[in-house]
Amino acid sequence: MVEAETTDGIWLTDTLDARALEVLERGGKVLIEAAGKVRYGNDVKQSYLPVFWNTSWFKMRPPHTTGAVIEREHPAFRHFPTDDWANLQWWELLNGAQVMNLGEFPRSYQPPVQPIDTWHLSRKLGMMIEARVLNGRLLMTTMDLSSRLESRVVARQMRASLLEYMRDDQAFQPTLKLEPKQISDLFEREAPAVELYTRESPDELKPKVTTLP
């Protein structure tokens, strides 16, 4: 577990522990850096490979994702320039990183960073969520924004951008309301098992059956 710390009134931790809940109850701000900690979504293997290497061509084997959609105009990225998709500066943050399965979240919610699942399943995935929890505000990410920051300029810049966003009380105004259990479930539950392998032949190789009139 990382050592929890405060940064300009923001409580930093790697899980929704009792101290984080206390901060939220008081109306504070919490940043959860949950890289490697999430269970609800750990069956989805993410990489930064082109669509050709997607699971669909290799009997549903990993990797399962096919890029990511970025909410470019989100104020969290004010100091992290990006396009609407995960271009090259995202490689360090996405390749091999955990995702969250947001299937239990409201259908209308779109996370600012949304990996695209294999089209055979189309699970709602996320790498960053923000919400009002209890009386406070929470931002949680599965991007690794804490290890070896002295040599990882991309992660360092993303972390600085998120903290700057959270410091801005006018900008950091999540509209989604979640119960603490919906956050803790991401750490404690596992998504229902999905059979990702097949012994079937591709449709184009299956024999065509002709029915006589």
N, C-alpha and C. Protein backbone atom coordinates (compact mmCIF):
# COMPACT_ATOMS: atom_id res chain seq x y z
N MET A 1 0.85 -1.20 0.00
CA MET A 1 0.00 0.00 0.00
C MET A 1 0.89 1.25 0.00
N VAL A 2 0.52 2.22 -0.82
CA VAL A 2 1.29 3.45 -0.84
C VAL A 2 1.02 4.23 0.45
N GLU A 3 1.98 5.05 0.80
CA GLU A 3 1.80 5.89 1.99
C GLU A 3 0.85 7.02 1.65
N ALA A 4 -0.27 7.08 2.34
CA ALA A 4 -1.25 8.13 2.07
C ALA A 4 -0.66 9.49 2.40
N GLU A 5 -1.06 10.48 1.64
CA GLU A 5 -0.53 11.82 1.87
C GLU A 5 -1.58 12.85 1.49
N THR A 6 -1.36 14.07 1.94
CA THR A 6 -2.24 15.15 1.52
C THR A 6 -1.44 16.10 0.64
N THR A 7 -2.08 16.61 -0.39
CA THR A 7 -1.48 17.58 -1.29
C THR A 7 -2.47 18.71 -1.47
N ASP A 8 -2.22 19.83 -0.83
CA ASP A 8 -3.13 20.98 -0.90
C ASP A 8 -4.56 20.57 -0.58
N GLY A 9 -4.73 19.79 0.47
CA GLY A 9 -6.07 19.40 0.89
C GLY A 9 -6.64 18.19 0.18
N ILE A 10 -5.88 17.57 -0.72
CA ILE A 10 -6.34 16.36 -1.42
C ILE A 10 -5.70 15.16 -0.74
N TRP A 11 -6.56 14.22 -0.33
CA TRP A 11 -6.05 13.01 0.32
C TRP A 11 -5.71 11.99 -0.75
N LEU A 12 -4.43 11.56 -0.79
CA LEU A 12 -3.96 10.60 -1.78
C LEU A 12 -3.80 9.24 -1.12
N THR A 13 -4.34 8.22 -1.78
CA THR A 13 -4.25 6.87 -1.25
C THR A 13 -4.37 5.89 -2.42
N ASP A 14 -4.29 4.58 -2.14
CA ASP A 14 -4.44 3.61 -3.22
C ASP A 14 -5.67 2.72 -3.02
N THR A 15 -6.52 3.06 -2.06
CA THR A 15 -7.73 2.30 -1.84
C THR A 15 -8.74 3.15 -1.07
N LEU A 16 -9.97 2.70 -1.03
CA LEU A 16 -11.00 3.42 -0.28
C LEU A 16 -11.00 2.90 1.15
N ASP A 17 -10.05 3.37 1.92
CA ASP A 17 -9.92 2.90 3.29
C ASP A 17 -10.70 3.80 4.24
N ALA A 18 -10.61 3.50 5.54
CA ALA A 18 -11.38 4.25 6.54
C ALA A 18 -11.00 5.72 6.54
N ARG A 19 -9.72 6.02 6.36
CA ARG A 19 -9.28 7.42 6.36
C ARG A 19 -9.86 8.16 5.16
N ALA A 20 -9.87 7.53 3.99
CA ALA A 20 -10.45 8.16 2.81
C ALA A 20 -11.94 8.43 3.01
N LEU A 21 -12.64 7.49 3.61
CA LEU A 21 -14.08 7.68 3.88
C LEU A 21 -14.30 8.83 4.86
N GLU A 22 -13.41 8.94 5.83
CA GLU A 22 -13.52 10.04 6.80
C GLU A 22 -13.35 11.40 6.10
N VAL A 23 -12.38 11.47 5.18
CA VAL A 23 -12.16 12.71 4.43
C VAL A 23 -13.39 13.04 3.58
N LEU A 24 -13.96 12.05 2.93
CA LEU A 24 -15.14 12.27 2.10
C LEU A 24 -16.34 12.67 2.96
N GLU A 25 -16.48 12.06 4.11
CA GLU A 25 -17.59 12.40 5.00
C GLU A 25 -17.51 13.86 5.43
N ARG A 26 -16.29 14.37 5.58
CA ARG A 26 -16.10 15.76 5.98
C ARG A 26 -16.25 16.73 4.80
N GLY A 27 -16.47 16.20 3.62
CA GLY A 27 -16.60 17.05 2.45
C GLY A 27 -15.29 17.31 1.73
N GLY A 28 -14.28 16.47 1.98
CA GLY A 28 -12.97 16.65 1.36
C GLY A 28 -12.83 16.00 0.00
N LYS A 29 -11.59 16.03 -0.49
CA LYS A 29 -11.29 15.49 -1.81
C LYS A 29 -10.33 14.32 -1.66
N VAL A 30 -10.56 13.27 -2.45
CA VAL A 30 -9.73 12.07 -2.39
C VAL A 30 -9.31 11.68 -3.80
N LEU A 31 -8.01 11.44 -3.98
CA LEU A 31 -7.49 10.86 -5.21
C LEU A 31 -7.01 9.45 -4.90
N ILE A 32 -7.62 8.47 -5.55
CA ILE A 32 -7.21 7.08 -5.38
C ILE A 32 -6.38 6.66 -6.58
N GLU A 33 -5.11 6.38 -6.34
CA GLU A 33 -4.22 5.85 -7.38
C GLU A 33 -4.20 4.34 -7.24
N ALA A 34 -5.07 3.68 -8.00
CA ALA A 34 -5.40 2.27 -7.76
C ALA A 34 -4.72 1.32 -8.73
N ALA A 35 -3.62 1.72 -9.35
CA ALA A 35 -2.93 0.85 -10.30
C ALA A 35 -2.57 -0.48 -9.66
N GLY A 36 -3.00 -1.58 -10.27
CA GLY A 36 -2.69 -2.91 -9.77
C GLY A 36 -3.54 -3.38 -8.61
N LYS A 37 -4.53 -2.59 -8.19
CA LYS A 37 -5.32 -2.91 -7.01
C LYS A 37 -6.75 -3.37 -7.34
N VAL A 38 -7.22 -3.10 -8.54
CA VAL A 38 -8.62 -3.32 -8.88
C VAL A 38 -8.86 -4.79 -9.25
N ARG A 39 -9.97 -5.34 -8.76
CA ARG A 39 -10.34 -6.72 -9.10
C ARG A 39 -11.48 -6.77 -10.11
N TYR A 40 -12.40 -5.81 -10.04
CA TYR A 40 -13.56 -5.83 -10.93
C TYR A 40 -13.14 -5.26 -12.29
N GLY A 41 -12.64 -6.15 -13.13
CA GLY A 41 -12.10 -5.76 -14.42
C GLY A 41 -10.73 -6.36 -14.67
N ASN A 42 -10.21 -7.13 -13.69
CA ASN A 42 -8.86 -7.68 -13.87
C ASN A 42 -8.79 -8.81 -14.88
N ASP A 43 -9.95 -9.25 -15.40
CA ASP A 43 -9.96 -10.25 -16.46
C ASP A 43 -9.75 -9.63 -17.84
N VAL A 44 -9.82 -8.32 -17.93
CA VAL A 44 -9.61 -7.62 -19.20
C VAL A 44 -8.14 -7.26 -19.31
N LYS A 45 -7.49 -7.74 -20.36
CA LYS A 45 -6.06 -7.46 -20.55
C LYS A 45 -5.90 -6.38 -21.62
N GLN A 46 -5.27 -5.30 -21.20
CA GLN A 46 -5.11 -4.15 -22.08
C GLN A 46 -3.68 -4.05 -22.59
N SER A 47 -3.54 -3.60 -23.83
CA SER A 47 -2.22 -3.31 -24.38
C SER A 47 -2.34 -2.08 -25.27
N TYR A 48 -1.25 -1.77 -25.94
CA TYR A 48 -1.26 -0.64 -26.87
C TYR A 48 -0.85 -1.20 -28.23
N LEU A 49 -1.68 -2.11 -28.74
CA LEU A 49 -1.41 -2.77 -30.00
C LEU A 49 -2.47 -2.39 -31.02
N PRO A 50 -2.14 -2.43 -32.31
CA PRO A 50 -3.15 -2.14 -33.33
C PRO A 50 -4.23 -3.21 -33.35
N VAL A 51 -5.34 -2.88 -34.01
CA VAL A 51 -6.51 -3.75 -33.97
C VAL A 51 -6.22 -5.14 -34.54
N PHE A 52 -5.24 -5.28 -35.42
CA PHE A 52 -4.94 -6.59 -35.99
C PHE A 52 -4.62 -7.61 -34.91
N TRP A 53 -3.98 -7.17 -33.84
CA TRP A 53 -3.57 -8.09 -32.78
C TRP A 53 -4.66 -8.27 -31.73
N ASN A 54 -5.84 -7.75 -31.99
CA ASN A 54 -6.94 -7.90 -31.05
C ASN A 54 -7.32 -9.36 -30.89
N THR A 55 -7.90 -9.67 -29.74
CA THR A 55 -8.33 -11.02 -29.40
C THR A 55 -9.15 -11.69 -30.48
N SER A 56 -9.90 -10.93 -31.27
CA SER A 56 -10.84 -11.50 -32.23
C SER A 56 -10.15 -12.39 -33.25
N TRP A 57 -8.88 -12.10 -33.57
CA TRP A 57 -8.20 -12.89 -34.60
C TRP A 57 -7.43 -14.06 -34.00
N PHE A 58 -7.38 -14.17 -32.69
CA PHE A 58 -6.57 -15.19 -32.07
C PHE A 58 -7.35 -15.96 -31.00
N LYS A 59 -8.54 -16.43 -31.40
CA LYS A 59 -9.37 -17.27 -30.54
C LYS A 59 -9.64 -16.63 -29.19
N MET A 60 -9.86 -15.31 -29.19
CA MET A 60 -10.26 -14.57 -27.99
C MET A 60 -9.18 -14.52 -26.92
N ARG A 61 -7.93 -14.74 -27.31
CA ARG A 61 -6.86 -14.59 -26.34
C ARG A 61 -6.54 -13.11 -26.14
N PRO A 62 -5.89 -12.76 -25.02
CA PRO A 62 -5.51 -11.36 -24.80
C PRO A 62 -4.53 -10.91 -25.88
N PRO A 63 -4.45 -9.59 -26.12
CA PRO A 63 -5.14 -8.52 -25.41
C PRO A 63 -6.58 -8.36 -25.88
N HIS A 64 -7.40 -7.71 -25.05
CA HIS A 64 -8.83 -7.60 -25.31
C HIS A 64 -9.26 -6.21 -25.76
N THR A 65 -8.42 -5.21 -25.57
CA THR A 65 -8.84 -3.85 -25.89
C THR A 65 -8.34 -3.42 -27.27
N THR A 66 -9.03 -2.42 -27.82
CA THR A 66 -8.70 -1.93 -29.17
C THR A 66 -8.60 -0.40 -29.14
N GLY A 67 -7.72 0.12 -28.31
CA GLY A 67 -7.57 1.56 -28.20
C GLY A 67 -8.40 2.13 -27.07
N ALA A 68 -8.53 3.45 -27.05
CA ALA A 68 -9.28 4.13 -25.99
C ALA A 68 -9.85 5.43 -26.51
N VAL A 69 -11.00 5.81 -25.94
CA VAL A 69 -11.63 7.09 -26.23
C VAL A 69 -11.30 8.05 -25.09
N ILE A 70 -10.82 9.23 -25.43
CA ILE A 70 -10.43 10.23 -24.45
C ILE A 70 -11.39 11.42 -24.56
N GLU A 71 -11.90 11.88 -23.43
CA GLU A 71 -12.73 13.09 -23.41
C GLU A 71 -11.78 14.30 -23.43
N ARG A 72 -11.37 14.68 -24.62
CA ARG A 72 -10.30 15.64 -24.79
C ARG A 72 -10.55 16.97 -24.08
N GLU A 73 -11.79 17.43 -24.07
CA GLU A 73 -12.09 18.74 -23.50
C GLU A 73 -12.29 18.71 -21.99
N HIS A 74 -12.13 17.55 -21.38
CA HIS A 74 -12.30 17.47 -19.93
C HIS A 74 -11.24 18.31 -19.24
N PRO A 75 -11.62 19.12 -18.25
CA PRO A 75 -10.63 19.98 -17.59
C PRO A 75 -9.52 19.23 -16.88
N ALA A 76 -9.69 17.94 -16.64
CA ALA A 76 -8.61 17.17 -16.03
C ALA A 76 -7.39 17.10 -16.94
N PHE A 77 -7.60 17.32 -18.25
CA PHE A 77 -6.50 17.25 -19.20
C PHE A 77 -6.03 18.63 -19.65
N ARG A 78 -6.34 19.63 -18.86
CA ARG A 78 -5.95 21.00 -19.21
C ARG A 78 -4.43 21.12 -19.35
N HIS A 79 -3.70 20.35 -18.55
CA HIS A 79 -2.24 20.40 -18.59
C HIS A 79 -1.66 19.09 -19.14
N PHE A 80 -2.49 18.36 -19.88
CA PHE A 80 -2.03 17.13 -20.53
C PHE A 80 -2.68 17.09 -21.92
N PRO A 81 -2.10 17.79 -22.89
CA PRO A 81 -2.71 17.88 -24.22
C PRO A 81 -2.94 16.49 -24.82
N THR A 82 -4.10 16.31 -25.45
CA THR A 82 -4.43 15.01 -26.02
C THR A 82 -5.44 15.18 -27.14
N ASP A 83 -5.54 14.17 -27.97
CA ASP A 83 -6.61 14.08 -28.96
C ASP A 83 -7.77 13.30 -28.34
N ASP A 84 -8.76 12.97 -29.17
CA ASP A 84 -9.91 12.20 -28.69
C ASP A 84 -9.58 10.72 -28.55
N TRP A 85 -8.43 10.33 -28.99
CA TRP A 85 -8.02 8.93 -28.94
C TRP A 85 -6.67 8.84 -28.23
N ALA A 86 -6.27 7.63 -27.93
CA ALA A 86 -5.03 7.42 -27.18
C ALA A 86 -3.85 7.44 -28.14
N ASN A 87 -3.32 8.65 -28.39
CA ASN A 87 -2.16 8.72 -29.25
C ASN A 87 -0.89 8.45 -28.45
N LEU A 88 0.27 8.73 -29.03
CA LEU A 88 1.51 8.13 -28.54
C LEU A 88 1.84 8.46 -27.09
N GLN A 89 1.48 9.66 -26.61
CA GLN A 89 1.85 9.97 -25.23
C GLN A 89 1.09 9.11 -24.22
N TRP A 90 0.05 8.41 -24.66
CA TRP A 90 -0.70 7.53 -23.77
C TRP A 90 -0.08 6.14 -23.63
N TRP A 91 0.90 5.83 -24.46
CA TRP A 91 1.46 4.47 -24.42
C TRP A 91 1.90 4.09 -23.02
N GLU A 92 2.65 4.96 -22.38
CA GLU A 92 3.18 4.66 -21.04
C GLU A 92 2.07 4.43 -20.03
N LEU A 93 0.93 5.12 -20.20
CA LEU A 93 -0.15 5.06 -19.21
C LEU A 93 -1.11 3.89 -19.46
N LEU A 94 -1.21 3.44 -20.73
CA LEU A 94 -2.21 2.43 -21.07
C LEU A 94 -1.63 1.03 -21.25
N ASN A 95 -0.44 0.94 -21.82
CA ASN A 95 0.08 -0.37 -22.20
C ASN A 95 0.31 -1.26 -20.99
N GLY A 96 -0.44 -2.35 -20.92
CA GLY A 96 -0.33 -3.29 -19.81
C GLY A 96 -1.00 -2.84 -18.54
N ALA A 97 -1.69 -1.71 -18.56
CA ALA A 97 -2.32 -1.18 -17.35
C ALA A 97 -3.68 -1.80 -17.10
N GLN A 98 -4.09 -1.81 -15.84
CA GLN A 98 -5.40 -2.31 -15.46
C GLN A 98 -6.51 -1.40 -15.93
N VAL A 99 -7.67 -2.01 -16.16
CA VAL A 99 -8.88 -1.24 -16.42
C VAL A 99 -9.89 -1.55 -15.32
N MET A 100 -10.91 -0.72 -15.22
CA MET A 100 -12.04 -0.98 -14.33
C MET A 100 -13.23 -1.40 -15.19
N ASN A 101 -13.94 -2.41 -14.78
CA ASN A 101 -15.19 -2.78 -15.42
C ASN A 101 -16.30 -1.96 -14.77
N LEU A 102 -16.91 -1.06 -15.56
CA LEU A 102 -17.92 -0.15 -15.02
C LEU A 102 -19.33 -0.61 -15.34
N GLY A 103 -19.49 -1.91 -15.53
CA GLY A 103 -20.80 -2.46 -15.87
C GLY A 103 -21.86 -2.21 -14.82
N GLU A 104 -21.46 -1.99 -13.56
CA GLU A 104 -22.41 -1.74 -12.49
C GLU A 104 -22.69 -0.25 -12.30
N PHE A 105 -22.04 0.59 -13.07
CA PHE A 105 -22.27 2.03 -12.98
C PHE A 105 -23.49 2.42 -13.82
N PRO A 106 -24.05 3.60 -13.59
CA PRO A 106 -25.18 4.04 -14.42
C PRO A 106 -24.83 3.99 -15.90
N ARG A 107 -25.80 3.55 -16.70
CA ARG A 107 -25.56 3.37 -18.13
C ARG A 107 -25.12 4.66 -18.81
N SER A 108 -25.61 5.79 -18.33
CA SER A 108 -25.32 7.07 -18.98
C SER A 108 -23.92 7.59 -18.68
N TYR A 109 -23.24 7.02 -17.71
CA TYR A 109 -21.93 7.55 -17.31
C TYR A 109 -20.85 7.16 -18.32
N GLN A 110 -20.10 8.14 -18.78
CA GLN A 110 -18.98 7.91 -19.67
C GLN A 110 -17.70 8.39 -18.97
N PRO A 111 -16.76 7.50 -18.70
CA PRO A 111 -15.53 7.92 -18.02
C PRO A 111 -14.66 8.76 -18.95
N PRO A 112 -13.85 9.66 -18.41
CA PRO A 112 -12.99 10.51 -19.24
C PRO A 112 -11.96 9.72 -20.05
N VAL A 113 -11.53 8.56 -19.52
CA VAL A 113 -10.62 7.67 -20.24
C VAL A 113 -11.31 6.32 -20.33
N GLN A 114 -11.76 5.94 -21.54
CA GLN A 114 -12.54 4.72 -21.71
C GLN A 114 -11.88 3.79 -22.72
N PRO A 115 -11.14 2.77 -22.24
CA PRO A 115 -10.62 1.76 -23.15
C PRO A 115 -11.77 1.08 -23.91
N ILE A 116 -11.52 0.74 -25.16
CA ILE A 116 -12.53 0.12 -26.01
C ILE A 116 -12.37 -1.39 -25.93
N ASP A 117 -13.39 -2.06 -25.45
CA ASP A 117 -13.34 -3.51 -25.31
C ASP A 117 -13.46 -4.19 -26.67
N THR A 118 -13.05 -5.47 -26.73
CA THR A 118 -13.28 -6.25 -27.93
C THR A 118 -14.76 -6.19 -28.31
N TRP A 119 -15.04 -6.05 -29.58
CA TRP A 119 -16.42 -5.83 -30.02
C TRP A 119 -17.32 -7.04 -29.79
N HIS A 120 -16.75 -8.19 -29.46
CA HIS A 120 -17.57 -9.36 -29.15
C HIS A 120 -18.26 -9.23 -27.79
N LEU A 121 -17.71 -8.39 -26.92
CA LEU A 121 -18.27 -8.26 -25.57
C LEU A 121 -18.72 -6.83 -25.28
N SER A 122 -17.95 -5.85 -25.69
CA SER A 122 -18.30 -4.43 -25.52
C SER A 122 -18.64 -4.08 -24.07
N ARG A 123 -17.80 -4.53 -23.15
CA ARG A 123 -17.97 -4.13 -21.75
C ARG A 123 -17.63 -2.66 -21.59
N LYS A 124 -18.30 -2.00 -20.66
CA LYS A 124 -17.96 -0.59 -20.37
C LYS A 124 -16.74 -0.58 -19.46
N LEU A 125 -15.66 -0.03 -19.97
CA LEU A 125 -14.40 0.00 -19.23
C LEU A 125 -14.00 1.44 -18.93
N GLY A 126 -13.16 1.60 -17.94
CA GLY A 126 -12.67 2.93 -17.60
C GLY A 126 -11.31 2.83 -16.94
N MET A 127 -10.53 3.91 -17.07
CA MET A 127 -9.27 4.02 -16.35
C MET A 127 -9.25 5.23 -15.45
N MET A 128 -10.33 6.01 -15.49
CA MET A 128 -10.44 7.16 -14.60
C MET A 128 -11.91 7.45 -14.38
N ILE A 129 -12.32 7.59 -13.14
CA ILE A 129 -13.69 7.93 -12.81
C ILE A 129 -13.67 9.06 -11.79
N GLU A 130 -14.74 9.83 -11.75
CA GLU A 130 -14.89 10.87 -10.73
C GLU A 130 -16.34 10.87 -10.28
N ALA A 131 -16.54 11.14 -9.00
CA ALA A 131 -17.89 11.07 -8.46
C ALA A 131 -17.96 11.81 -7.13
N ARG A 132 -19.19 12.16 -6.77
CA ARG A 132 -19.47 12.63 -5.42
C ARG A 132 -19.77 11.41 -4.56
N VAL A 133 -19.03 11.29 -3.48
CA VAL A 133 -19.18 10.15 -2.57
C VAL A 133 -19.34 10.71 -1.17
N LEU A 134 -20.41 10.31 -0.48
CA LEU A 134 -20.77 10.90 0.81
C LEU A 134 -20.90 12.41 0.62
N ASN A 135 -20.13 13.20 1.36
CA ASN A 135 -20.22 14.66 1.23
C ASN A 135 -19.04 15.25 0.46
N GLY A 136 -18.19 14.37 -0.08
CA GLY A 136 -16.98 14.85 -0.72
C GLY A 136 -16.92 14.50 -2.20
N ARG A 137 -15.73 14.71 -2.76
CA ARG A 137 -15.49 14.47 -4.17
C ARG A 137 -14.30 13.53 -4.33
N LEU A 138 -14.44 12.58 -5.25
CA LEU A 138 -13.44 11.53 -5.42
C LEU A 138 -13.06 11.41 -6.89
N LEU A 139 -11.76 11.22 -7.13
CA LEU A 139 -11.26 10.86 -8.44
C LEU A 139 -10.41 9.61 -8.26
N MET A 140 -10.62 8.63 -9.13
CA MET A 140 -9.90 7.37 -9.02
C MET A 140 -9.38 6.98 -10.39
N THR A 141 -8.14 6.49 -10.44
CA THR A 141 -7.54 6.07 -11.69
C THR A 141 -6.75 4.79 -11.51
N THR A 142 -6.71 3.97 -12.57
CA THR A 142 -5.87 2.77 -12.57
C THR A 142 -4.59 2.99 -13.34
N MET A 143 -4.35 4.21 -13.83
CA MET A 143 -3.06 4.53 -14.44
C MET A 143 -2.01 4.59 -13.33
N ASP A 144 -0.83 4.11 -13.62
CA ASP A 144 0.25 4.17 -12.63
C ASP A 144 0.83 5.57 -12.64
N LEU A 145 0.48 6.34 -11.63
CA LEU A 145 0.94 7.73 -11.51
C LEU A 145 1.82 7.94 -10.29
N SER A 146 2.38 6.87 -9.75
CA SER A 146 3.15 7.01 -8.51
C SER A 146 4.53 6.38 -8.55
N SER A 147 4.76 5.41 -9.44
CA SER A 147 6.06 4.72 -9.40
C SER A 147 7.08 5.38 -10.33
N ARG A 148 8.32 5.49 -9.87
CA ARG A 148 9.47 5.97 -10.66
C ARG A 148 9.16 7.26 -11.41
N LEU A 149 8.52 8.19 -10.74
CA LEU A 149 8.13 9.42 -11.41
C LEU A 149 9.33 10.26 -11.85
N GLU A 150 10.48 10.04 -11.24
CA GLU A 150 11.67 10.81 -11.64
C GLU A 150 12.09 10.49 -13.06
N SER A 151 11.72 9.31 -13.59
CA SER A 151 12.11 8.94 -14.95
C SER A 151 10.91 8.78 -15.89
N ARG A 152 9.69 9.01 -15.40
CA ARG A 152 8.49 8.82 -16.22
C ARG A 152 7.79 10.17 -16.36
N VAL A 153 8.23 10.92 -17.36
CA VAL A 153 7.74 12.28 -17.52
C VAL A 153 6.26 12.32 -17.86
N VAL A 154 5.77 11.33 -18.61
CA VAL A 154 4.35 11.31 -18.99
C VAL A 154 3.48 11.11 -17.76
N ALA A 155 3.81 10.12 -16.94
CA ALA A 155 3.03 9.87 -15.72
C ALA A 155 3.11 11.07 -14.78
N ARG A 156 4.28 11.67 -14.69
CA ARG A 156 4.46 12.83 -13.82
C ARG A 156 3.57 13.99 -14.27
N GLN A 157 3.49 14.20 -15.59
CA GLN A 157 2.67 15.28 -16.10
C GLN A 157 1.18 15.00 -15.91
N MET A 158 0.77 13.75 -16.14
CA MET A 158 -0.64 13.41 -15.93
C MET A 158 -1.03 13.60 -14.47
N ARG A 159 -0.18 13.16 -13.57
CA ARG A 159 -0.46 13.32 -12.14
C ARG A 159 -0.59 14.80 -11.77
N ALA A 160 0.31 15.62 -12.29
CA ALA A 160 0.25 17.05 -12.01
C ALA A 160 -1.03 17.66 -12.57
N SER A 161 -1.44 17.21 -13.75
CA SER A 161 -2.66 17.74 -14.36
C SER A 161 -3.89 17.38 -13.55
N LEU A 162 -3.95 16.14 -13.06
CA LEU A 162 -5.10 15.72 -12.26
C LEU A 162 -5.15 16.46 -10.93
N LEU A 163 -4.02 16.63 -10.29
CA LEU A 163 -4.00 17.35 -9.02
C LEU A 163 -4.40 18.81 -9.21
N GLU A 164 -3.92 19.43 -10.29
CA GLU A 164 -4.30 20.81 -10.56
C GLU A 164 -5.80 20.92 -10.80
N TYR A 165 -6.35 19.95 -11.50
CA TYR A 165 -7.80 19.91 -11.73
C TYR A 165 -8.56 19.79 -10.43
N MET A 166 -8.12 18.90 -9.54
CA MET A 166 -8.82 18.69 -8.28
C MET A 166 -8.71 19.89 -7.34
N ARG A 167 -7.64 20.65 -7.46
CA ARG A 167 -7.50 21.85 -6.63
C ARG A 167 -8.49 22.94 -7.02
N ASP A 168 -8.92 22.93 -8.26
CA ASP A 168 -9.81 23.96 -8.80
C ASP A 168 -11.26 23.62 -8.42
N ASP A 169 -11.78 24.28 -7.41
CA ASP A 169 -13.12 23.96 -6.92
C ASP A 169 -14.20 24.24 -7.95
N GLN A 170 -13.97 25.16 -8.83
CA GLN A 170 -14.97 25.43 -9.86
C GLN A 170 -14.96 24.36 -10.93
N ALA A 171 -13.80 23.84 -11.26
CA ALA A 171 -13.70 22.83 -12.32
C ALA A 171 -14.06 21.43 -11.81
N PHE A 172 -13.57 21.09 -10.60
CA PHE A 172 -13.76 19.73 -10.08
C PHE A 172 -15.14 19.62 -9.44
N GLN A 173 -16.14 19.38 -10.29
CA GLN A 173 -17.52 19.28 -9.84
C GLN A 173 -18.17 18.05 -10.46
N PRO A 174 -17.82 16.85 -9.98
CA PRO A 174 -18.42 15.63 -10.55
C PRO A 174 -19.94 15.65 -10.43
N THR A 175 -20.60 15.17 -11.46
CA THR A 175 -22.07 15.10 -11.44
C THR A 175 -22.58 13.73 -11.03
N LEU A 176 -21.73 12.72 -11.17
CA LEU A 176 -22.13 11.36 -10.80
C LEU A 176 -22.11 11.21 -9.28
N LYS A 177 -23.15 10.61 -8.72
CA LYS A 177 -23.23 10.34 -7.29
C LYS A 177 -23.12 8.84 -7.08
N LEU A 178 -22.15 8.41 -6.27
CA LEU A 178 -21.95 7.00 -6.00
C LEU A 178 -21.93 6.74 -4.51
N GLU A 179 -22.35 5.55 -4.13
CA GLU A 179 -22.23 5.09 -2.76
C GLU A 179 -20.83 4.52 -2.54
N PRO A 180 -20.31 4.59 -1.33
CA PRO A 180 -18.98 4.02 -1.08
C PRO A 180 -18.86 2.57 -1.53
N LYS A 181 -19.93 1.80 -1.39
CA LYS A 181 -19.85 0.39 -1.78
C LYS A 181 -19.58 0.22 -3.26
N GLN A 182 -20.08 1.14 -4.09
CA GLN A 182 -19.83 1.03 -5.52
C GLN A 182 -18.36 1.22 -5.85
N ILE A 183 -17.66 1.98 -5.02
CA ILE A 183 -16.22 2.12 -5.18
C ILE A 183 -15.50 0.92 -4.59
N SER A 184 -15.86 0.52 -3.39
CA SER A 184 -15.17 -0.60 -2.75
C SER A 184 -15.37 -1.90 -3.52
N ASP A 185 -16.51 -2.04 -4.21
CA ASP A 185 -16.73 -3.24 -5.02
C ASP A 185 -15.67 -3.40 -6.10
N LEU A 186 -15.16 -2.30 -6.61
CA LEU A 186 -14.12 -2.38 -7.64
C LEU A 186 -12.85 -3.04 -7.10
N PHE A 187 -12.63 -2.94 -5.79
CA PHE A 187 -11.46 -3.55 -5.16
C PHE A 187 -11.75 -4.97 -4.65
N GLU A 188 -13.00 -5.27 -4.35
CA GLU A 188 -13.32 -6.49 -3.62
C GLU A 188 -14.04 -7.55 -4.44
N ARG A 189 -14.79 -7.15 -5.46
CA ARG A 189 -15.55 -8.12 -6.26
C ARG A 189 -14.81 -8.45 -7.55
N GLU A 190 -15.25 -9.54 -8.18
CA GLU A 190 -14.75 -9.88 -9.50
C GLU A 190 -15.93 -9.95 -10.45
N ALA A 191 -15.72 -9.53 -11.68
CA ALA A 191 -16.79 -9.54 -12.67
C ALA A 191 -17.15 -10.98 -13.01
N PRO A 192 -18.41 -11.21 -13.41
CA PRO A 192 -18.81 -12.57 -13.81
C PRO A 192 -17.89 -13.10 -14.90
N ALA A 193 -17.56 -14.38 -14.80
CA ALA A 193 -16.63 -14.98 -15.76
C ALA A 193 -17.23 -14.97 -17.16
N VAL A 194 -16.37 -14.68 -18.13
CA VAL A 194 -16.75 -14.70 -19.54
C VAL A 194 -15.82 -15.66 -20.25
N GLU A 195 -16.37 -16.59 -21.02
CA GLU A 195 -15.56 -17.51 -21.79
C GLU A 195 -15.00 -16.78 -23.00
N LEU A 196 -13.71 -16.51 -22.98
CA LEU A 196 -13.09 -15.69 -24.02
C LEU A 196 -12.45 -16.53 -25.11
N TYR A 197 -12.57 -17.83 -25.03
CA TYR A 197 -11.96 -18.69 -26.03
C TYR A 197 -13.04 -19.39 -26.84
N THR A 198 -12.68 -19.81 -28.03
CA THR A 198 -13.63 -20.53 -28.87
C THR A 198 -12.89 -21.59 -29.68
N ARG A 199 -13.56 -22.70 -29.93
CA ARG A 199 -13.02 -23.73 -30.82
C ARG A 199 -13.73 -23.71 -32.17
N GLU A 200 -14.61 -22.73 -32.33
CA GLU A 200 -15.35 -22.59 -33.58
C GLU A 200 -14.45 -22.09 -34.70
N SER A 201 -14.81 -22.44 -35.92
CA SER A 201 -14.13 -21.89 -37.09
C SER A 201 -14.73 -20.54 -37.44
N PRO A 202 -13.96 -19.68 -38.10
CA PRO A 202 -14.56 -18.44 -38.59
C PRO A 202 -15.71 -18.73 -39.54
N ASP A 203 -16.66 -17.80 -39.58
CA ASP A 203 -17.84 -18.03 -40.41
C ASP A 203 -17.48 -18.35 -41.85
N GLU A 204 -16.43 -17.70 -42.38
CA GLU A 204 -16.10 -17.89 -43.79
C GLU A 204 -15.53 -19.28 -44.08
N LEU A 205 -15.14 -20.01 -43.01
CA LEU A 205 -14.61 -21.37 -43.21
C LEU A 205 -15.61 -22.47 -42.87
N LYS A 206 -16.78 -22.09 -42.40
CA LYS A 206 -17.80 -23.09 -42.09
C LYS A 206 -18.46 -23.57 -43.39
N PRO A 207 -18.76 -24.85 -43.46
CA PRO A 207 -19.41 -25.36 -44.68
C PRO A 207 -20.79 -24.72 -44.87
N LYS A 208 -21.11 -24.44 -46.10
CA LYS A 208 -22.41 -23.84 -46.40
C LYS A 208 -23.38 -24.94 -46.72
N VAL A 209 -24.46 -24.95 -46.01
CA VAL A 209 -25.50 -25.98 -46.19
C VAL A 209 -26.59 -25.43 -47.11
N THR A 210 -26.83 -26.14 -48.18
CA THR A 210 -27.86 -25.73 -49.14
C THR A 210 -29.11 -26.57 -48.92
N THR A 211 -30.20 -25.92 -48.74
CA THR A 211 -31.47 -26.62 -48.53
C THR A 211 -32.18 -26.78 -49.89
N LEU A 212 -32.48 -28.04 -50.22
CA LEU A 212 -33.18 -28.31 -51.46
C LEU A 212 -34.63 -27.85 -51.39
N PRO A 213 -35.19 -27.34 -52.50
CA PRO A 213 -36.58 -26.91 -52.47
C PRO A 213 -37.54 -28.09 -52.29
